[in-house]
Amino acid sequence: MIQPTYRTLLLLMIGLILALLPSFGLRGFEQAWLLWLLFCGAALVIELLLQPGRRNFALSYIAPTKAIVGANQDFVLQISSSRRTVHGKRLDYLLEVRDGLQAPPTRSLVLAGGPEEVTLSVRPERRGMTAVDAVWLRWTGPLRLLSRTARMPIEHAMDVHPDLAGVRKDAILWFRNRELSVGQRTKDFRGEGSEFDALREFQVGHDSRYLDWKSSARLRKLVVREYRAERDHQIVIGLDCGQLMREPLDEIPRLDHSIHAGLLLAFASLKTGDRVGLFAFDSKARRWIPPTSGNSAISRLEKECASLEYCKEPTNYVASLTTLFSNLHRRTLIVIFSEFWDPVSAELMVEILGRFSKRHLLVFVTFTDEFLQQIADRSIEERGDLHRIIVAEELMAERLEVHQRLRNLGVQVISTRAADLRSAVLKEYLRIHYKELL
């Protein structure tokens, strides 16, 4: 595609001025505009003849075949030109990418006669297969009157996975925390569990409720029963893949934030001896992995989470969650990552969660609507701002009302920012583990 540059437009404007001069009574300029037009035409012909074509450029690249969602990936682009190309001129280039991949805007480089190498940072925003389809090049001729744009196809595909390395790193940091380790040895496994561990002589600080009077009478000294936390719990990570979970937060879909938090929870649960399963749903049940333990469980969960698709259909809580609860035959900790818009759409969700919260321990995880919070915190400068603030506060109050209804039914609710989701979910799991709520 060939387009005129600003220099060409300037030359045509000069010709227009020359054509208007005779109308102001200036003589001698009657044929000036015609001569100027012939001059511009000859310059354009010379520009077309000397301007390099698409075949005068060679393109190569170095790029990864696997990428991590939300992480910048280096895309190295190498551009070289033939002798016919006028060096020392600016060459614009632009990556053509598919939906789910963010590329930098138009960049420029100056050809110096040899291959030029540039490094670009592309950012995958969704999991799955995505690609850089082509590179668009734009250059001008020696007179800079015309610019030519050409599409150079490359079709490089990348397989985008969840941030598994980040999940493992966060898990290691949590388990290296000294306070966490001390709490597990003193509280999680001793004194407040449900399984009997041993008898110990009563000391100041022991809870008198754990005194064993029969053993104390037999041993003629006060002894207390020590309990340890029950292991081998069942934990199911429920991932809502519906329409609302496709919306991005911090340039990453809600579903991917939930996957990262769910995998961190799975990693921690398996380390403490629990069994972890996965349930993905939208308009119906999509994926079901029964709770399992062992080193192979986390690898399987990572693989299954990486293959989850983004659904455009609204979530059907009744049909999908009924399928989940029919597969559970013992009390289970179910952590559901989901989203809702208003109390009307959440009515069926509240009903189904409240029905099964009597048998299972449910944790409902959702995201704080930062957009509404920003509107509510905005200062009032005009009448329209007041209206927007009132609507935002009403919507936030409705969300809090749904949260409170779930808490009244015995469902634990986590509502936090996307950046704090991992730590909030893990803290809630440890709290449940310490207090033996399951």
Protein backbone atom coordinates (compact mmCIF):
# COMPACT_ATOMS: atom_id res chain seq x y z
CA MET A 1 0.00 0.00 0.00
CA ILE A 2 1.41 3.38 -1.07
CA GLN A 3 0.42 6.64 0.62
CA PRO A 4 1.54 10.26 0.21
CA THR A 5 3.59 11.82 2.97
CA TYR A 6 3.27 15.23 4.56
CA ARG A 7 5.95 16.50 2.18
CA THR A 8 3.77 15.59 -0.81
CA LEU A 9 0.80 17.36 0.71
CA LEU A 10 2.96 20.43 1.29
CA LEU A 11 4.00 20.49 -2.37
CA LEU A 12 0.37 20.25 -3.47
CA MET A 13 -0.56 23.10 -1.15
CA ILE A 14 2.13 25.24 -2.78
CA GLY A 15 0.64 24.41 -6.20
CA LEU A 16 -2.81 25.44 -4.93
CA ILE A 17 -1.43 28.77 -3.77
CA LEU A 18 0.20 29.34 -7.18
CA ALA A 19 -3.12 28.61 -8.86
CA LEU A 20 -4.89 31.22 -6.67
CA LEU A 21 -2.36 34.01 -7.24
CA PRO A 22 -3.84 35.22 -10.58
CA SER A 23 -7.21 35.73 -8.89
CA PHE A 24 -5.57 38.39 -6.71
CA GLY A 25 -4.42 40.37 -9.78
CA LEU A 26 -0.85 39.08 -9.89
CA ARG A 27 0.32 38.63 -13.47
CA GLY A 28 2.92 36.16 -14.69
CA PHE A 29 1.60 33.27 -12.57
CA GLU A 30 -1.07 32.02 -14.98
CA GLN A 31 0.96 28.98 -15.99
CA ALA A 32 2.99 28.64 -12.79
CA TRP A 33 0.60 26.17 -11.22
CA LEU A 34 0.75 23.93 -14.31
CA LEU A 35 4.56 23.92 -14.31
CA TRP A 36 4.54 23.18 -10.59
CA LEU A 37 2.10 20.30 -11.13
CA LEU A 38 4.37 18.83 -13.79
CA PHE A 39 7.30 19.16 -11.42
CA CYS A 40 5.44 17.34 -8.64
CA GLY A 41 4.37 14.59 -11.05
CA ALA A 42 7.94 14.03 -12.21
CA ALA A 43 9.13 13.90 -8.59
CA LEU A 44 6.50 11.30 -7.74
CA VAL A 45 7.51 9.18 -10.74
CA ILE A 46 11.16 9.32 -9.67
CA GLU A 47 10.10 8.42 -6.13
CA LEU A 48 8.20 5.37 -7.39
CA LEU A 49 11.12 4.19 -9.50
CA LEU A 50 13.73 4.57 -6.76
CA GLN A 51 11.65 3.45 -3.81
CA PRO A 52 12.57 -0.04 -2.57
CA GLY A 53 9.92 -2.72 -2.66
CA ARG A 54 8.89 -5.46 -0.28
CA ARG A 55 11.40 -7.90 -1.77
CA ASN A 56 14.25 -5.63 -0.76
CA PHE A 57 13.70 -6.46 2.94
CA ALA A 58 14.46 -9.72 4.72
CA LEU A 59 12.91 -10.56 8.06
CA SER A 60 13.77 -13.11 10.74
CA TYR A 61 12.89 -13.46 14.41
CA ILE A 62 13.69 -15.30 17.64
CA ALA A 63 10.74 -15.87 19.95
CA PRO A 64 9.67 -18.42 22.60
CA THR A 65 7.15 -21.13 21.80
CA LYS A 66 5.87 -21.22 25.40
CA ALA A 67 4.85 -18.22 27.46
CA ILE A 68 3.34 -17.33 30.82
CA VAL A 69 0.11 -15.39 31.09
CA GLY A 70 0.72 -11.87 32.40
CA ALA A 71 4.52 -12.04 31.98
CA ASN A 72 6.51 -10.11 29.36
CA GLN A 73 8.22 -12.26 26.74
CA ASP A 74 11.12 -11.12 24.56
CA PHE A 75 10.49 -11.09 20.81
CA VAL A 76 13.73 -10.46 18.90
CA LEU A 77 13.19 -9.07 15.43
CA GLN A 78 15.97 -8.97 12.81
CA ILE A 79 15.49 -6.76 9.74
CA SER A 80 17.96 -6.52 6.86
CA SER A 81 17.78 -4.76 3.49
CA SER A 82 19.32 -5.05 0.03
CA ARG A 83 21.66 -2.60 -1.64
CA ARG A 84 18.80 -0.90 -3.45
CA THR A 85 17.33 0.23 -0.14
CA VAL A 86 18.22 3.78 0.78
CA HIS A 87 20.05 3.48 4.08
CA GLY A 88 20.03 6.10 6.78
CA LYS A 89 16.25 6.44 6.50
CA ARG A 90 13.65 5.63 9.13
CA LEU A 91 11.85 2.30 8.98
CA ASP A 92 8.66 1.85 11.01
CA TYR A 93 7.59 -1.61 12.13
CA LEU A 94 4.55 -2.97 13.96
CA LEU A 95 3.73 -6.47 15.22
CA GLU A 96 0.37 -7.90 14.18
CA VAL A 97 -0.89 -10.06 17.04
CA ARG A 98 -4.03 -12.04 17.80
CA ASP A 99 -6.54 -11.43 20.57
CA GLY A 100 -4.95 -12.31 23.89
CA LEU A 101 -1.50 -10.91 23.12
CA GLN A 102 -0.46 -7.33 23.79
CA ALA A 103 2.29 -5.90 21.61
CA PRO A 104 4.10 -2.54 21.72
CA PRO A 105 2.90 0.26 19.42
CA THR A 106 4.65 1.29 16.22
CA ARG A 107 8.42 1.51 16.60
CA SER A 108 11.12 2.95 14.36
CA LEU A 109 14.72 2.14 13.49
CA VAL A 110 17.33 3.52 11.10
CA LEU A 111 18.83 1.10 8.58
CA ALA A 112 22.62 1.34 8.50
CA GLY A 113 23.35 -1.15 5.74
CA GLY A 114 23.45 -4.37 7.78
CA PRO A 115 20.94 -6.44 9.71
CA GLU A 116 19.30 -4.48 12.50
CA GLU A 117 18.14 -6.35 15.62
CA VAL A 118 15.50 -5.05 17.99
CA THR A 119 13.97 -6.66 21.08
CA LEU A 120 10.28 -6.20 21.80
CA SER A 121 8.33 -7.24 24.89
CA VAL A 122 5.02 -8.92 24.17
CA ARG A 123 2.60 -9.69 26.99
CA PRO A 124 0.15 -12.62 26.81
CA GLU A 125 -3.15 -11.71 28.44
CA ARG A 126 -4.97 -15.04 28.04
CA ARG A 127 -4.09 -18.70 28.23
CA GLY A 128 -4.15 -20.97 25.21
CA MET A 129 -2.63 -20.74 21.76
CA THR A 130 -1.90 -17.22 20.59
CA ALA A 131 0.34 -15.93 17.84
CA VAL A 132 2.23 -13.10 16.24
CA ASP A 133 0.81 -13.27 12.72
CA ALA A 134 2.94 -10.75 10.87
CA VAL A 135 5.18 -7.70 11.00
CA TRP A 136 4.07 -4.54 9.22
CA LEU A 137 6.87 -2.45 7.69
CA ARG A 138 6.56 1.13 6.50
CA TRP A 139 9.29 3.07 4.71
CA THR A 140 9.75 6.08 2.40
CA GLY A 141 11.72 6.63 -0.82
CA PRO A 142 14.77 8.84 -1.33
CA LEU A 143 12.66 11.99 -1.80
CA ARG A 144 10.32 11.10 1.11
CA LEU A 145 7.25 11.87 -0.96
CA LEU A 146 5.60 8.46 -0.74
CA SER A 147 5.47 5.87 2.03
CA ARG A 148 4.94 2.19 1.35
CA THR A 149 3.45 -0.30 3.82
CA ALA A 150 3.91 -4.05 3.51
CA ARG A 151 2.82 -7.03 5.56
CA MET A 152 5.51 -9.64 6.24
CA PRO A 153 3.81 -12.86 7.47
CA ILE A 154 5.62 -14.90 10.12
CA GLU A 155 2.81 -16.76 11.96
CA HIS A 156 4.69 -17.60 15.14
CA ALA A 157 2.50 -19.44 17.68
CA MET A 158 2.95 -19.43 21.46
CA ASP A 159 1.38 -21.76 23.98
CA VAL A 160 0.42 -19.62 26.98
CA HIS A 161 0.30 -21.36 30.37
CA PRO A 162 -0.57 -20.20 33.91
CA ASP A 163 2.20 -18.74 36.05
CA LEU A 164 3.21 -22.05 37.62
CA ALA A 165 6.68 -20.83 38.56
CA GLY A 166 5.17 -17.89 40.43
CA VAL A 167 2.78 -20.19 42.27
CA ARG A 168 5.60 -22.47 43.39
CA LYS A 169 7.70 -19.48 44.43
CA ASP A 170 4.87 -18.08 46.55
CA ALA A 171 4.33 -21.50 48.13
CA ILE A 172 8.00 -21.82 49.04
CA LEU A 173 8.01 -18.34 50.59
CA TRP A 174 4.94 -19.21 52.67
CA PHE A 175 6.39 -22.44 53.96
CA ARG A 176 9.73 -20.82 54.72
CA ASN A 177 7.99 -18.32 56.95
CA ARG A 178 9.25 -19.05 60.47
CA GLU A 179 6.08 -17.91 62.20
CA LEU A 180 4.01 -20.15 59.96
CA SER A 181 6.18 -23.16 60.74
CA VAL A 182 6.04 -22.52 64.47
CA GLY A 183 2.28 -22.13 64.34
CA GLN A 184 1.91 -25.42 62.54
CA ARG A 185 3.97 -27.33 65.11
CA THR A 186 2.34 -25.83 68.17
CA LYS A 187 -1.22 -25.18 67.13
CA ASP A 188 -1.99 -27.09 63.99
CA PHE A 189 -0.82 -30.48 65.12
CA ARG A 190 -0.95 -30.27 68.92
CA GLY A 191 -3.60 -29.28 71.41
CA GLU A 192 -6.47 -28.14 69.18
CA GLY A 193 -6.93 -31.04 66.80
CA SER A 194 -9.53 -33.77 66.75
CA GLU A 195 -7.33 -36.89 66.91
CA PHE A 196 -5.87 -38.02 70.24
CA ASP A 197 -2.08 -37.85 70.32
CA ALA A 198 -0.70 -38.30 73.87
CA LEU A 199 -1.05 -37.54 77.59
CA ARG A 200 1.08 -34.82 79.14
CA GLU A 201 1.48 -33.54 82.65
CA PHE A 202 -0.58 -30.44 83.30
CA GLN A 203 1.36 -27.18 83.23
CA VAL A 204 0.44 -23.56 83.59
CA GLY A 205 -1.12 -22.43 80.33
CA HIS A 206 -2.85 -25.69 79.45
CA ASP A 207 -6.59 -25.55 78.83
CA SER A 208 -8.42 -27.14 81.76
CA ARG A 209 -11.05 -28.50 79.38
CA TYR A 210 -8.53 -31.10 78.22
CA LEU A 211 -7.89 -32.52 81.71
CA ASP A 212 -8.19 -36.32 81.79
CA TRP A 213 -9.61 -36.97 85.26
CA LYS A 214 -9.46 -40.76 85.08
CA SER A 215 -5.83 -40.78 84.05
CA SER A 216 -5.03 -38.08 86.62
CA ALA A 217 -6.58 -40.21 89.41
CA ARG A 218 -4.66 -43.26 88.28
CA LEU A 219 -1.33 -41.43 87.97
CA ARG A 220 -2.02 -39.22 91.05
CA LYS A 221 -1.13 -36.06 89.13
CA LEU A 222 -2.95 -33.80 86.74
CA VAL A 223 -2.55 -34.79 83.11
CA VAL A 224 -4.10 -33.35 79.97
CA ARG A 225 -4.98 -34.90 76.67
CA GLU A 226 -3.12 -33.60 73.61
CA TYR A 227 -4.71 -33.79 70.22
CA ARG A 228 -3.31 -33.44 66.78
CA ALA A 229 -4.92 -32.05 63.72
CA GLU A 230 -6.69 -34.54 61.53
CA ARG A 231 -5.14 -34.93 58.12
CA ASP A 232 -6.36 -36.45 54.89
CA HIS A 233 -9.07 -33.81 54.47
CA GLN A 234 -10.85 -33.47 51.15
CA ILE A 235 -10.47 -30.13 49.41
CA VAL A 236 -12.09 -29.22 46.10
CA ILE A 237 -11.12 -26.13 44.13
CA GLY A 238 -14.14 -24.86 42.20
CA LEU A 239 -13.35 -22.61 39.23
CA ASP A 240 -16.13 -20.64 37.58
CA CYS A 241 -15.28 -20.37 33.86
CA GLY A 242 -18.39 -18.38 32.97
CA GLN A 243 -18.85 -15.10 31.19
CA LEU A 244 -18.00 -12.76 34.06
CA MET A 245 -14.72 -14.56 34.77
CA ARG A 246 -13.45 -13.60 31.31
CA GLU A 247 -13.31 -9.91 32.27
CA PRO A 248 -9.77 -8.70 33.01
CA LEU A 249 -8.37 -7.33 36.25
CA ASP A 250 -4.86 -5.86 36.06
CA GLU A 251 -4.87 -6.90 32.37
CA ILE A 252 -5.39 -10.59 33.29
CA PRO A 253 -8.79 -12.36 33.26
CA ARG A 254 -10.41 -13.13 36.60
CA LEU A 255 -10.24 -16.82 35.76
CA ASP A 256 -6.45 -16.75 35.52
CA HIS A 257 -6.15 -14.95 38.86
CA SER A 258 -8.36 -17.68 40.33
CA ILE A 259 -6.26 -20.44 38.76
CA HIS A 260 -3.08 -19.04 40.29
CA ALA A 261 -4.68 -18.77 43.73
CA GLY A 262 -6.24 -22.23 43.42
CA LEU A 263 -2.94 -23.86 42.46
CA LEU A 264 -1.21 -22.19 45.41
CA LEU A 265 -3.92 -23.53 47.70
CA ALA A 266 -3.54 -26.99 46.15
CA PHE A 267 0.22 -26.90 46.63
CA ALA A 268 -0.14 -25.94 50.30
CA SER A 269 -2.89 -28.48 50.95
CA LEU A 270 -0.96 -31.36 49.44
CA LYS A 271 2.08 -30.44 51.52
CA THR A 272 0.04 -30.66 54.72
CA GLY A 273 -1.30 -34.10 53.83
CA ASP A 274 -4.74 -33.25 52.44
CA ARG A 275 -6.28 -34.50 49.22
CA VAL A 276 -7.15 -31.96 46.53
CA GLY A 277 -9.58 -32.13 43.62
CA LEU A 278 -10.72 -29.77 40.88
CA PHE A 279 -14.15 -28.81 39.59
CA ALA A 280 -14.60 -26.39 36.65
CA PHE A 281 -18.02 -25.20 35.59
CA ASP A 282 -19.95 -22.53 33.70
CA SER A 283 -23.37 -23.24 32.22
CA LYS A 284 -22.74 -26.88 33.19
CA ALA A 285 -20.03 -29.01 34.77
CA ARG A 286 -16.92 -28.94 32.57
CA ARG A 287 -14.16 -30.71 34.50
CA TRP A 288 -14.14 -33.00 37.53
CA ILE A 289 -11.02 -34.45 39.14
CA PRO A 290 -11.67 -36.39 42.37
CA PRO A 291 -9.56 -35.39 45.38
CA THR A 292 -6.19 -37.16 45.35
CA SER A 293 -2.89 -36.83 47.17
CA GLY A 294 0.75 -37.37 46.29
CA ASN A 295 3.37 -35.63 44.21
CA SER A 296 1.61 -36.39 40.93
CA ALA A 297 -1.58 -34.59 42.00
CA ILE A 298 -0.19 -31.06 41.63
CA SER A 299 1.17 -31.82 38.15
CA ARG A 300 -2.20 -33.09 37.03
CA LEU A 301 -3.98 -30.07 38.47
CA GLU A 302 -1.57 -27.73 36.71
CA LYS A 303 -2.16 -29.50 33.40
CA GLU A 304 -5.93 -29.43 33.76
CA CYS A 305 -6.01 -25.77 34.79
CA ALA A 306 -3.86 -24.80 31.82
CA SER A 307 -6.38 -26.36 29.43
CA LEU A 308 -9.47 -24.61 30.83
CA GLU A 309 -11.27 -22.52 28.22
CA TYR A 310 -12.92 -19.13 28.57
CA CYS A 311 -16.67 -19.49 28.26
CA LYS A 312 -19.03 -16.84 26.88
CA GLU A 313 -22.13 -18.31 28.52
CA PRO A 314 -23.49 -17.20 31.92
CA THR A 315 -22.88 -19.46 34.90
CA ASN A 316 -25.61 -21.90 35.92
CA TYR A 317 -24.94 -22.54 39.61
CA VAL A 318 -27.83 -24.94 40.16
CA ALA A 319 -27.00 -27.39 37.37
CA SER A 320 -23.23 -27.32 37.85
CA LEU A 321 -22.94 -27.29 41.65
CA THR A 322 -25.57 -29.99 42.02
CA THR A 323 -23.32 -32.21 39.91
CA LEU A 324 -20.39 -31.40 42.19
CA PHE A 325 -22.21 -32.15 45.44
CA SER A 326 -23.52 -35.45 44.07
CA ASN A 327 -19.90 -36.62 43.64
CA LEU A 328 -18.92 -35.87 47.27
CA HIS A 329 -19.63 -38.55 49.86
CA ARG A 330 -17.87 -37.02 52.87
CA ARG A 331 -17.50 -33.58 54.38
CA THR A 332 -15.32 -31.49 52.11
CA LEU A 333 -13.78 -28.04 52.03
CA ILE A 334 -14.98 -26.47 48.78
CA VAL A 335 -13.32 -23.23 47.68
CA ILE A 336 -15.37 -21.65 44.88
CA PHE A 337 -13.83 -18.87 42.79
CA SER A 338 -16.67 -17.01 41.11
CA GLU A 339 -18.16 -13.61 40.35
CA PHE A 340 -21.63 -12.08 40.26
CA TRP A 341 -23.06 -8.75 39.17
CA ASP A 342 -26.18 -8.03 41.22
CA PRO A 343 -28.35 -9.67 43.90
CA VAL A 344 -30.88 -10.84 41.29
CA SER A 345 -28.30 -12.85 39.36
CA ALA A 346 -26.81 -14.12 42.64
CA GLU A 347 -30.12 -15.34 44.07
CA LEU A 348 -29.83 -18.90 42.78
CA MET A 349 -26.17 -18.98 43.76
CA VAL A 350 -26.99 -18.02 47.37
CA GLU A 351 -29.76 -20.61 47.50
CA ILE A 352 -27.65 -23.54 46.27
CA LEU A 353 -24.64 -22.63 48.43
CA GLY A 354 -26.81 -22.26 51.52
CA ARG A 355 -28.43 -25.64 50.89
CA PHE A 356 -25.12 -27.53 50.87
CA SER A 357 -23.26 -25.46 53.49
CA LYS A 358 -24.85 -27.62 56.19
CA ARG A 359 -22.95 -30.69 55.00
CA HIS A 360 -19.78 -29.16 53.57
CA LEU A 361 -17.54 -26.24 54.47
CA LEU A 362 -17.86 -23.69 51.67
CA VAL A 363 -15.55 -20.77 50.94
CA PHE A 364 -16.81 -18.30 48.33
CA VAL A 365 -14.01 -16.23 46.76
CA THR A 366 -14.78 -13.14 44.72
CA PHE A 367 -13.03 -9.97 43.65
CA THR A 368 -13.37 -6.44 44.93
CA ASP A 369 -14.80 -4.18 42.26
CA GLU A 370 -12.04 -1.59 42.16
CA PHE A 371 -13.77 0.37 39.40
CA LEU A 372 -16.81 1.00 41.61
CA GLN A 373 -14.53 1.85 44.52
CA GLN A 374 -12.69 4.46 42.45
CA ILE A 375 -15.99 6.07 41.44
CA ALA A 376 -17.22 6.10 45.04
CA ASP A 377 -13.99 7.74 46.25
CA ARG A 378 -14.06 10.42 43.55
CA SER A 379 -14.54 14.01 44.64
CA ILE A 380 -17.73 15.78 43.56
CA GLU A 381 -17.00 18.44 40.94
CA GLU A 382 -20.27 18.51 39.02
CA ARG A 383 -23.81 17.14 39.23
CA GLY A 384 -22.98 14.08 37.11
CA ASP A 385 -20.27 13.03 39.58
CA LEU A 386 -22.83 12.95 42.40
CA HIS A 387 -25.11 10.66 40.41
CA ARG A 388 -22.28 8.29 39.55
CA ILE A 389 -21.12 8.15 43.16
CA ILE A 390 -24.62 7.32 44.40
CA VAL A 391 -25.02 4.51 41.84
CA ALA A 392 -21.56 3.09 42.67
CA GLU A 393 -22.29 3.09 46.40
CA GLU A 394 -25.63 1.35 45.83
CA LEU A 395 -24.00 -1.36 43.73
CA MET A 396 -21.29 -1.88 46.36
CA ALA A 397 -23.92 -2.08 49.10
CA GLU A 398 -25.79 -4.74 47.10
CA ARG A 399 -22.62 -6.82 46.79
CA LEU A 400 -22.00 -6.54 50.53
CA GLU A 401 -25.57 -7.62 51.16
CA VAL A 402 -25.00 -10.81 49.14
CA HIS A 403 -21.78 -11.45 51.09
CA GLN A 404 -23.61 -11.05 54.38
CA ARG A 405 -26.38 -13.42 53.30
CA LEU A 406 -23.79 -16.05 52.48
CA ARG A 407 -22.10 -15.59 55.86
CA ASN A 408 -25.43 -15.96 57.63
CA LEU A 409 -25.84 -19.32 55.86
CA GLY A 410 -22.45 -20.53 57.11
CA VAL A 411 -20.44 -19.81 53.96
CA GLN A 412 -17.01 -18.24 54.42
CA VAL A 413 -16.59 -15.25 52.08
CA ILE A 414 -13.36 -13.78 50.73
CA SER A 415 -13.58 -10.53 48.79
CA THR A 416 -10.24 -8.98 47.93
CA ARG A 417 -8.20 -7.30 45.21
CA ALA A 418 -6.66 -9.44 42.49
CA ALA A 419 -3.14 -8.67 43.74
CA ASP A 420 -3.98 -9.98 47.24
CA LEU A 421 -6.01 -13.00 46.18
CA ARG A 422 -3.33 -15.66 46.66
CA SER A 423 -2.38 -14.65 50.18
CA ALA A 424 -6.00 -14.14 51.24
CA VAL A 425 -7.03 -17.64 50.12
CA LEU A 426 -4.02 -19.28 51.75
CA LYS A 427 -4.58 -17.43 55.02
CA GLU A 428 -8.20 -18.56 55.11
CA TYR A 429 -7.15 -22.17 54.49
CA LEU A 430 -4.62 -22.02 57.33
CA ARG A 431 -7.23 -20.49 59.64
CA ILE A 432 -9.62 -23.33 58.84
CA HIS A 433 -6.81 -25.83 59.32
CA TYR A 434 -5.76 -24.39 62.69
CA LYS A 435 -9.27 -24.26 64.13
CA GLU A 436 -10.28 -27.65 62.78
CA LEU A 437 -13.42 -26.22 61.19
CA LEU A 438 -13.50 -29.05 58.72
